[in-house]
Protein backbone atom coordinates (compact mmCIF):
# COMPACT_ATOMS: atom_id res chain seq x y z
CA MET A 1 6.14 -9.08 -31.13
CA ALA A 2 7.69 -7.18 -28.20
CA LEU A 3 5.27 -6.44 -25.41
CA THR A 4 7.07 -3.26 -24.37
CA ASN A 5 7.32 0.03 -26.23
CA ARG A 6 8.76 3.49 -25.66
CA ARG A 7 6.20 4.14 -22.90
CA ASN A 8 6.79 0.81 -21.13
CA MET A 9 10.17 -0.08 -19.64
CA ASP A 10 11.81 -3.40 -20.47
CA LEU A 11 13.36 -4.24 -17.11
CA THR A 12 15.19 -7.32 -18.41
CA GLN A 13 18.12 -5.32 -19.79
CA GLY A 14 20.10 -2.18 -19.02
CA SER A 15 21.50 -0.61 -15.84
CA ILE A 16 19.77 -2.02 -12.76
CA VAL A 17 20.26 1.07 -10.59
CA LYS A 18 19.04 3.38 -13.34
CA GLN A 19 16.00 1.24 -14.15
CA LEU A 20 14.95 0.82 -10.52
CA THR A 21 15.38 4.55 -9.95
CA VAL A 22 13.54 5.65 -13.10
CA PHE A 23 10.74 3.18 -12.45
CA ALA A 24 10.49 3.96 -8.71
CA ILE A 25 10.36 7.78 -8.92
CA PRO A 26 6.91 7.93 -10.60
CA LEU A 27 5.73 5.23 -8.18
CA MET A 28 6.90 7.29 -5.23
CA LEU A 29 5.21 10.39 -6.59
CA SER A 30 2.06 8.35 -7.22
CA ASN A 31 2.10 7.16 -3.61
CA LEU A 32 2.63 10.76 -2.56
CA PHE A 33 -0.49 12.03 -4.27
CA GLN A 34 -2.55 9.01 -3.29
CA SER A 35 -1.58 9.59 0.34
CA LEU A 36 -2.53 13.24 -0.06
CA TYR A 37 -6.16 12.08 -0.14
CA ASN A 38 -6.17 11.14 3.54
CA THR A 39 -3.57 13.73 4.50
CA ALA A 40 -5.66 16.49 2.96
CA ASP A 41 -8.65 15.09 4.86
CA THR A 42 -6.68 15.26 8.09
CA LEU A 43 -5.32 18.74 7.48
CA VAL A 44 -8.68 20.24 6.56
CA VAL A 45 -10.72 18.68 9.37
CA GLY A 46 -7.98 19.32 11.92
CA ARG A 47 -7.80 23.00 11.02
CA PHE A 48 -11.41 23.81 10.14
CA VAL A 49 -13.59 21.29 12.01
CA GLY A 50 -11.81 20.33 15.24
CA SER A 51 -9.84 17.70 17.13
CA THR A 52 -12.84 15.37 17.46
CA ALA A 53 -13.24 15.27 13.68
CA LEU A 54 -9.48 14.78 13.33
CA ALA A 55 -9.65 11.79 15.66
CA ALA A 56 -12.65 10.43 13.72
CA VAL A 57 -10.82 10.57 10.38
CA GLY A 58 -7.61 9.13 11.82
CA SER A 59 -9.22 6.29 13.74
CA THR A 60 -10.83 4.79 10.61
CA GLY A 61 -7.58 4.17 8.74
CA ALA A 62 -6.93 0.72 10.20
CA LEU A 63 -10.48 -0.41 9.37
CA THR A 64 -10.44 0.72 5.76
CA GLY A 65 -7.01 -0.87 5.49
CA LEU A 66 -8.39 -4.18 6.73
CA PHE A 67 -10.97 -4.34 3.93
CA THR A 68 -8.91 -2.89 1.10
CA SER A 69 -5.77 -4.86 1.95
CA PHE A 70 -7.36 -8.11 0.79
CA PHE A 71 -7.99 -6.68 -2.65
CA ILE A 72 -4.58 -5.02 -2.76
CA GLY A 73 -3.06 -8.44 -2.12
CA MET A 74 -5.02 -9.90 -5.03
CA GLY A 75 -3.88 -6.97 -7.13
CA THR A 76 -0.29 -7.85 -6.25
CA GLY A 77 -0.90 -11.34 -7.55
CA ALA A 78 -2.34 -9.96 -10.78
CA GLY A 79 0.66 -7.66 -11.23
CA VAL A 80 3.13 -10.54 -10.83
CA ILE A 81 1.25 -12.73 -13.32
CA ILE A 82 1.11 -9.88 -15.85
CA SER A 83 4.79 -8.96 -15.37
CA GLN A 84 5.88 -12.57 -15.82
CA ALA A 85 3.79 -12.78 -19.01
CA VAL A 86 5.59 -9.67 -20.30
CA GLY A 87 8.97 -11.24 -19.46
CA ARG A 88 8.23 -14.44 -21.39
CA GLN A 89 6.43 -12.58 -24.24
CA ASP A 90 3.12 -14.41 -23.63
CA GLU A 91 0.44 -12.35 -25.42
CA GLU A 92 -2.51 -14.59 -24.57
CA GLY A 93 -1.49 -14.79 -20.93
CA LEU A 94 -1.27 -11.00 -20.86
CA ARG A 95 -4.78 -10.57 -22.32
CA LYS A 96 -6.31 -12.96 -19.83
CA GLY A 97 -4.43 -11.35 -16.94
CA VAL A 98 -5.63 -7.84 -17.78
CA HIS A 99 -9.32 -8.69 -18.18
CA THR A 100 -9.42 -11.04 -15.19
CA ALA A 101 -7.81 -8.37 -12.98
CA VAL A 102 -10.37 -5.72 -13.98
CA ALA A 103 -13.25 -8.15 -13.36
CA MET A 104 -11.80 -8.79 -9.89
CA ALA A 105 -11.64 -5.05 -9.18
CA ILE A 106 -15.34 -4.65 -9.96
CA LEU A 107 -16.46 -7.63 -7.87
CA PHE A 108 -14.29 -6.87 -4.85
CA GLY A 109 -15.05 -3.16 -4.98
CA ILE A 110 -18.79 -3.75 -4.80
CA GLY A 111 -18.64 -6.68 -2.37
CA LEU A 112 -16.15 -5.29 0.15
CA GLY A 113 -17.67 -1.81 -0.08
CA THR A 114 -21.15 -3.08 0.76
CA LEU A 115 -19.90 -5.25 3.61
CA GLY A 116 -17.82 -2.43 5.07
CA ALA A 117 -20.65 0.09 4.94
CA LEU A 118 -22.99 -2.30 6.78
CA LEU A 119 -20.46 -3.20 9.49
CA SER A 120 -18.99 0.27 10.12
CA PRO A 121 -20.67 1.03 13.50
CA LEU A 122 -20.02 -2.48 14.83
CA LEU A 123 -16.35 -2.40 13.85
CA LEU A 124 -15.78 1.04 15.36
CA ARG A 125 -17.35 -0.02 18.64
CA PHE A 126 -15.22 -3.17 18.64
CA MET A 127 -12.16 -0.92 18.44
CA GLY A 128 -13.32 0.99 21.48
CA THR A 129 -13.86 4.26 19.62
CA PRO A 130 -14.91 6.92 22.18
CA GLU A 131 -18.56 8.01 22.09
CA ASP A 132 -17.67 11.62 21.26
CA VAL A 133 -15.83 10.43 18.13
CA LEU A 134 -18.17 7.60 17.06
CA PRO A 135 -20.87 9.49 15.05
CA GLU A 136 -18.40 11.33 12.81
CA ALA A 137 -16.15 8.28 12.46
CA THR A 138 -19.12 6.14 11.36
CA LEU A 139 -20.24 8.70 8.77
CA TYR A 140 -16.72 9.12 7.37
CA LEU A 141 -16.11 5.37 7.21
CA ARG A 142 -19.45 4.53 5.59
CA ILE A 143 -19.07 7.06 2.79
CA ASN A 144 -15.56 5.80 2.05
CA PHE A 145 -16.78 2.20 1.86
CA ILE A 146 -19.63 3.15 -0.47
CA GLY A 147 -17.07 4.61 -2.85
CA LEU A 148 -14.56 1.78 -2.42
CA ILE A 149 -14.96 0.63 -6.03
CA THR A 150 -13.28 3.83 -7.23
CA LEU A 151 -10.18 2.85 -5.24
CA THR A 152 -10.14 -0.78 -6.39
CA MET A 153 -10.60 0.20 -10.03
CA TYR A 154 -7.79 2.73 -9.95
CA ASN A 155 -5.39 0.45 -8.09
CA ILE A 156 -5.87 -2.46 -10.49
CA THR A 157 -5.74 -0.44 -13.72
CA ALA A 158 -2.70 1.49 -12.52
CA GLY A 159 -1.19 -1.81 -11.38
CA ILE A 160 -1.61 -3.24 -14.88
CA LEU A 161 0.21 -0.26 -16.37
CA ARG A 162 3.07 -0.68 -13.89
CA ALA A 163 3.26 -4.42 -14.52
CA ILE A 164 3.89 -3.79 -18.22
CA GLY A 165 6.57 -1.24 -17.36
CA ASP A 166 4.71 2.10 -17.35
CA SER A 167 4.95 3.82 -13.98
CA ARG A 168 4.67 7.38 -15.34
CA ARG A 169 1.07 7.59 -16.41
CA PRO A 170 -0.39 6.36 -13.11
CA PHE A 171 1.52 9.24 -11.53
CA TYR A 172 0.07 11.77 -13.98
CA TYR A 173 -3.45 10.59 -13.21
CA LEU A 174 -2.89 10.81 -9.46
CA LEU A 175 -1.38 14.26 -9.85
CA ILE A 176 -4.60 15.42 -11.46
CA SER A 177 -6.87 13.67 -8.95
CA GLY A 178 -4.73 14.72 -5.96
CA CYS A 179 -5.02 18.37 -6.87
CA THR A 180 -8.74 17.89 -7.46
CA ASN A 181 -9.10 16.32 -4.03
CA MET A 182 -7.43 19.21 -2.23
CA VAL A 183 -9.64 21.77 -3.97
CA LEU A 184 -12.83 19.77 -3.28
CA ASN A 185 -11.83 19.27 0.38
CA VAL A 186 -11.66 23.00 0.95
CA PHE A 187 -14.87 23.61 -1.02
CA PHE A 188 -16.98 20.97 0.74
CA VAL A 189 -15.67 21.66 4.26
CA VAL A 190 -14.93 25.39 4.35
CA VAL A 191 -17.55 26.64 1.88
CA CYS A 192 -20.31 24.02 2.21
CA HIS A 193 -19.67 23.19 5.90
CA MET A 194 -20.10 19.45 5.28
CA GLY A 195 -17.55 18.36 7.92
CA VAL A 196 -16.15 14.83 7.67
CA ALA A 197 -18.76 13.96 5.03
CA GLY A 198 -17.25 16.63 2.78
CA VAL A 199 -13.75 15.16 2.85
CA SER A 200 -15.14 11.67 2.18
CA VAL A 201 -17.11 12.81 -0.87
CA ALA A 202 -14.11 14.77 -2.16
CA THR A 203 -11.93 11.65 -1.87
CA ILE A 204 -14.39 9.46 -3.78
CA ILE A 205 -14.83 11.96 -6.62
CA SER A 206 -11.06 12.33 -6.97
CA GLN A 207 -10.44 8.58 -6.91
CA ALA A 208 -13.13 8.09 -9.56
CA LEU A 209 -11.35 10.61 -11.80
CA SER A 210 -8.01 8.78 -11.57
CA ALA A 211 -9.73 5.40 -12.20
CA VAL A 212 -11.45 6.69 -15.35
CA LEU A 213 -8.21 8.14 -16.72
CA ALA A 214 -6.31 4.87 -16.16
CA MET A 215 -9.09 2.82 -17.75
CA LEU A 216 -9.20 5.08 -20.80
CA ASN A 217 -5.45 4.62 -21.19
CA LEU A 218 -5.82 0.84 -21.26
CA MET A 219 -8.83 0.97 -23.59
CA ARG A 220 -6.89 3.09 -26.09
CA ALA A 221 -3.71 1.01 -25.91
CA GLU A 222 -2.47 -1.06 -28.80
CA GLY A 223 -1.38 -4.62 -28.25
CA PRO A 224 -2.37 -7.58 -26.07
CA TYR A 225 -2.84 -5.50 -22.91
CA GLN A 226 -5.62 -3.39 -24.46
CA LEU A 227 -8.71 -3.37 -22.23
CA GLN A 228 -11.93 -4.29 -24.07
CA LEU A 229 -15.08 -3.87 -22.00
CA LYS A 230 -16.90 -6.78 -23.67
CA LYS A 231 -14.06 -9.13 -22.71
CA ILE A 232 -14.05 -8.27 -19.00
CA ARG A 233 -14.60 -11.61 -17.32
CA ILE A 234 -12.75 -13.97 -15.04
CA ASP A 235 -10.59 -16.61 -16.71
CA TRP A 236 -10.52 -19.21 -13.97
CA SER A 237 -7.12 -20.62 -14.83
CA THR A 238 -5.61 -17.13 -14.69
CA PHE A 239 -7.58 -16.38 -11.53
CA GLY A 240 -6.10 -19.50 -9.94
CA SER A 241 -2.57 -18.30 -10.72
CA ILE A 242 -3.39 -14.83 -9.35
CA ALA A 243 -4.96 -16.32 -6.22
CA ARG A 244 -1.91 -18.49 -5.55
CA ILE A 245 0.09 -15.31 -5.08
CA GLY A 246 -2.66 -12.84 -4.19
CA LEU A 247 -4.59 -14.75 -1.53
CA PRO A 248 -1.57 -15.17 0.78
CA ALA A 249 -0.63 -11.53 0.11
CA GLY A 250 -4.19 -10.46 0.87
CA VAL A 251 -4.33 -12.51 4.06
CA GLN A 252 -0.95 -11.08 5.05
CA SER A 253 -2.13 -7.51 4.51
CA MET A 254 -5.39 -8.17 6.35
CA VAL A 255 -3.56 -9.67 9.30
CA ILE A 256 -1.22 -6.67 9.48
CA SER A 257 -4.26 -4.39 9.28
CA LEU A 258 -5.90 -6.44 12.03
CA SER A 259 -2.83 -5.96 14.21
CA ASN A 260 -3.02 -2.24 13.47
CA ILE A 261 -6.64 -2.27 14.65
CA VAL A 262 -5.44 -3.82 17.91
CA ILE A 263 -2.76 -1.13 18.15
CA GLN A 264 -5.36 1.57 17.41
CA SER A 265 -7.63 0.17 20.12
CA GLN A 266 -4.75 0.52 22.59
CA ILE A 267 -4.10 4.08 21.39
CA ASN A 268 -7.80 4.85 21.93
CA VAL A 269 -7.43 4.03 25.64
CA PHE A 270 -5.32 7.18 26.06
CA GLY A 271 -8.14 9.44 24.79
CA SER A 272 -8.99 11.60 21.80
CA ALA A 273 -5.82 13.71 22.10
CA ALA A 274 -3.64 10.61 21.75
CA MET A 275 -5.81 9.41 18.84
CA ALA A 276 -5.49 12.74 17.04
CA GLY A 277 -1.73 12.99 17.66
CA HIS A 278 -1.10 9.42 16.55
CA SER A 279 -3.25 10.09 13.47
CA ALA A 280 -1.26 13.19 12.53
CA ALA A 281 2.02 11.31 13.00
CA GLY A 282 0.65 8.50 10.85
CA ARG A 283 0.09 10.89 7.94
CA ILE A 284 3.73 12.00 8.09
CA ASP A 285 4.76 8.39 8.58
CA MET A 286 3.15 7.56 5.23
CA PHE A 287 5.42 10.05 3.47
CA THR A 288 8.49 8.58 5.16
CA TYR A 289 7.45 5.13 3.96
CA MET A 290 6.81 6.14 0.35
CA PRO A 291 10.37 5.99 -1.11
CA MET A 292 10.97 2.51 0.31
CA ASN A 293 7.55 1.29 -0.82
CA ALA A 294 8.18 2.61 -4.34
CA ILE A 295 11.48 0.73 -4.50
CA ALA A 296 9.77 -2.42 -3.18
CA LEU A 297 7.00 -2.23 -5.81
CA SER A 298 9.64 -1.68 -8.49
CA THR A 299 11.53 -4.71 -7.21
CA THR A 300 8.46 -6.94 -7.55
CA THR A 301 7.96 -5.93 -11.18
CA PHE A 302 11.71 -6.14 -11.87
CA VAL A 303 12.07 -9.64 -10.40
CA ALA A 304 8.87 -10.93 -12.08
CA GLN A 305 9.89 -9.69 -15.54
CA ASN A 306 13.43 -11.05 -15.25
CA LEU A 307 12.41 -14.44 -13.90
CA GLY A 308 9.79 -14.63 -16.65
CA ALA A 309 12.65 -14.10 -19.12
CA GLY A 310 14.80 -16.66 -17.29
CA LYS A 311 17.36 -14.07 -16.11
CA VAL A 312 17.88 -15.39 -12.59
CA LYS A 313 21.21 -13.72 -11.83
CA ARG A 314 19.87 -10.33 -12.90
CA ALA A 315 16.79 -10.81 -10.69
CA ARG A 316 18.98 -11.54 -7.66
CA LYS A 317 21.27 -8.62 -8.35
CA GLY A 318 18.24 -6.34 -8.67
CA ALA A 319 16.91 -7.47 -5.30
CA MET A 320 20.16 -6.71 -3.47
CA THR A 321 20.55 -3.37 -5.26
CA ALA A 322 17.01 -2.43 -4.21
CA TRP A 323 17.71 -3.35 -0.57
CA ILE A 324 20.78 -1.11 -0.44
CA MET A 325 18.87 1.74 -2.11
CA ALA A 326 15.97 1.38 0.34
CA ASN A 327 18.27 1.53 3.37
CA LEU A 328 20.01 4.68 2.17
CA VAL A 329 16.77 6.45 1.28
CA THR A 330 14.91 5.61 4.50
CA ILE A 331 17.81 6.70 6.70
CA PHE A 332 17.87 10.07 4.95
CA VAL A 333 14.10 10.64 4.77
CA GLY A 334 13.46 9.36 8.29
CA GLY A 335 16.24 11.56 9.66
CA MET A 336 14.81 14.66 7.98
CA ALA A 337 11.32 13.89 9.29
CA CYS A 338 12.65 13.57 12.83
CA LEU A 339 14.65 16.78 12.50
CA PHE A 340 11.53 18.78 11.58
CA ARG A 341 9.02 16.77 13.63
CA ASN A 342 7.73 19.72 15.65
CA GLN A 343 7.05 21.83 12.58
CA LEU A 344 5.42 18.93 10.72
CA ILE A 345 3.02 18.02 13.53
CA SER A 346 2.14 21.72 13.87
CA LEU A 347 0.68 21.56 10.35
CA PHE A 348 -2.09 19.32 11.68
CA THR A 349 -2.95 20.78 15.05
CA THR A 350 -2.55 23.75 17.38
CA ASP A 351 -3.58 21.77 20.48
CA PRO A 352 -0.48 21.32 22.73
CA GLU A 353 -1.58 17.91 24.06
CA VAL A 354 -2.29 16.55 20.57
CA HIS A 355 1.04 17.98 19.41
CA ALA A 356 2.97 16.20 22.18
CA PHE A 357 1.45 12.80 21.38
CA GLY A 358 2.07 13.34 17.66
CA VAL A 359 5.75 14.23 18.10
CA LEU A 360 6.38 11.17 20.29
CA SER A 361 4.64 8.77 17.89
CA MET A 362 6.40 10.26 14.88
CA THR A 363 9.86 10.15 16.48
CA ILE A 364 9.64 6.46 17.34
CA ARG A 365 8.48 5.41 13.88
CA CYS A 366 10.32 7.71 11.49
CA ALA A 367 13.69 7.32 13.23
CA THR A 368 13.54 3.54 12.85
CA TYR A 369 12.01 3.07 9.40
CA PHE A 370 15.27 1.73 7.92
CA LEU A 371 14.68 -1.41 10.04
CA PHE A 372 11.68 -2.17 7.82
CA SER A 373 13.62 -2.19 4.52
CA GLY A 374 14.51 -5.88 4.72
CA THR A 375 10.84 -6.76 5.13
CA ASP A 376 9.50 -4.61 2.32
CA ILE A 377 12.17 -5.29 -0.31
CA MET A 378 12.56 -9.02 0.30
CA SER A 379 8.82 -9.67 0.49
CA GLY A 380 8.52 -7.87 -2.85
CA THR A 381 11.31 -10.03 -4.27
CA ILE A 382 9.78 -13.29 -3.07
CA ARG A 383 6.33 -12.32 -4.41
CA GLY A 384 7.91 -11.40 -7.74
CA SER A 385 9.02 -15.02 -7.97
CA GLY A 386 5.38 -16.08 -7.59
CA ASN A 387 5.58 -17.17 -3.95
CA GLY A 388 3.06 -15.50 -1.68
CA PHE A 389 2.95 -18.17 1.05
CA VAL A 390 6.31 -17.53 2.76
CA PRO A 391 5.82 -13.73 3.07
CA MET A 392 2.39 -14.43 4.56
CA CYS A 393 3.82 -16.78 7.19
CA ILE A 394 6.65 -14.43 8.18
CA SER A 395 4.22 -11.53 8.53
CA LEU A 396 1.65 -13.58 10.45
CA VAL A 397 4.24 -14.36 13.10
CA ASN A 398 6.12 -11.07 13.31
CA MET A 399 3.69 -8.33 12.27
CA CYS A 400 0.63 -9.76 14.00
CA ALA A 401 1.24 -12.44 16.63
CA LEU A 402 4.32 -10.79 18.14
CA ARG A 403 2.72 -7.34 18.09
CA ILE A 404 -0.31 -8.58 19.98
CA LEU A 405 1.92 -10.56 22.37
CA TRP A 406 4.00 -7.43 23.07
CA LEU A 407 0.90 -5.38 23.83
CA MET A 408 -0.50 -8.09 26.10
CA ILE A 409 2.73 -8.30 28.11
CA ALA A 410 4.06 -4.75 28.03
CA ILE A 411 0.95 -2.59 28.51
CA PRO A 412 0.02 -4.02 31.95
CA ILE A 413 3.62 -3.39 33.07
CA TRP A 414 4.18 0.06 31.54
CA HIS A 415 0.84 1.70 30.84
CA GLU A 416 2.36 4.37 28.61
CA PHE A 417 1.59 5.67 25.11
CA TRP A 418 5.13 5.05 23.87
CA VAL A 419 4.93 1.36 24.77
CA VAL A 420 2.19 0.91 22.17
CA VAL A 421 4.08 2.71 19.41
CA VAL A 422 7.40 0.96 20.02
CA CYS A 423 5.90 -2.34 18.86
CA TYR A 424 6.43 -1.09 15.29
CA PRO A 425 10.27 -0.99 15.25
CA LEU A 426 10.48 -4.16 17.35
CA THR A 427 8.47 -6.23 14.89
CA TRP A 428 10.02 -4.58 11.82
CA THR A 429 13.43 -5.74 13.00
CA LEU A 430 12.38 -9.33 13.65
CA ALA A 431 10.51 -9.61 10.34
CA SER A 432 13.46 -8.22 8.36
CA ILE A 433 15.79 -10.77 9.92
CA CYS A 434 13.42 -13.61 8.91
CA TYR A 435 13.10 -12.34 5.34
CA LEU A 436 16.85 -11.91 4.87
CA VAL A 437 17.60 -15.39 6.22
CA TYR A 438 15.05 -16.90 3.81
CA TYR A 439 16.34 -14.87 0.87
CA PHE A 440 19.99 -15.80 1.37
CA SER A 441 19.07 -19.46 1.82
CA GLY A 442 18.06 -19.53 -1.86
CA ALA A 443 14.84 -21.43 -1.09
CA TRP A 444 12.71 -18.85 -2.95
CA LEU A 445 14.61 -19.57 -6.20
CA ARG A 446 14.43 -23.32 -5.78
CA SER A 447 10.67 -22.95 -5.29
CA TRP A 448 10.43 -20.82 -8.45
CA ARG A 449 12.36 -23.36 -10.54
CA LYS A 450 10.11 -26.15 -9.33
CA ARG A 451 6.97 -24.21 -10.37
CA ASN A 452 8.41 -23.13 -13.74
CA PRO A 453 10.38 -26.07 -15.18
CA SER A 454 9.57 -24.95 -18.74
CA ILE A 455 11.33 -21.57 -18.42
CA GLU A 456 14.83 -21.79 -19.80
CA THR A 457 17.30 -20.02 -17.54
CA ALA A 458 19.34 -17.48 -19.45
CA MET A 459 23.13 -17.88 -19.36
CA GLU A 460 24.54 -14.81 -17.66
CA GLU A 461 28.05 -13.67 -16.94
């Protein structure tokens, strides 16, 4: 019995460029509408509440990222396990993967949400959040943590759909919830005058809507990936396989988030105007990153399905095709963002000082995003092979240790805002070089063959 149907793409055959493109476009649009949650928060509070509220919303991003990144890493592991099961036509493995992943989403959503809500004031003070920003930042962060389970449930159920080859329906659900979020933001802030609490509540309601829609899709599905509530439990063997990939990915994401907290703490030193400007630039930065991230996520699913089917040559060809595509797209999108940087920052603020900081931060990051393509695409490729340890090590060194080292050395010498932001392109370049060297060495494939001796490699021309 085939595990794919007309709604789910079989990535083990057909044109590689076409499949990556068709699969990536809904992913990119999904990322777009998911990012609109925070961007809508930023736009509304910046325009209707004030620069202090804008700084409060922006300064919490690194903290929420620190907590959610661990689960996102585990979700990556679940997606790889499910995609490989699809590739090798393993129905029982697919059933266990789906129900174990959903059980994980519930446990991590409740556990991390509770922990984050309790530690919010302490973490914000640790980051050096200014006193005038702290009350609103604490309120915004706590409400988001309380509703964290809505985010974990959507991400895992949408991730299951993508792993089996359906990237369209997650986009449809986010389209609905994204529009809902924008309407609720205006209602709670402009009409109800709820301030930062209003945008937090709007985000949680919208995320809950997308999670419910994705769950209903899986519950109504036919076949081994159907979600049955009574079967939601952790299969420890499957969990072990997920953790082998997901734990290193989660640690990697947490470490990067931790380095971003250090960066944010350095941004905070320059005052609330710098915080607000950097926050506004970060929202635009997310949109610049989306096309490359969509291609990277597609690459992980593509490589996992093809290696599961034993099609090694096709997996390698897909990885290189994705890298070329990512470079071309990021050069174009980053160039357009830089060209219209003044107009884009003006959407978030009318304060000249905030605007100046935002334009500078945005220019440094968006103009150099193509340097990150080697990191994103090759880490996705290596994870698709079931190896989460090497990407973790490369990121620990380049995206955390070297960033912190740069800030420790450079800031005392040049105490300037731009010195903080420039650590992004510097570390992107070094990480990409490491990933490409590892990829071309072929070690990732030798490691995969050693872990999967039973998979017969398909003969390919």
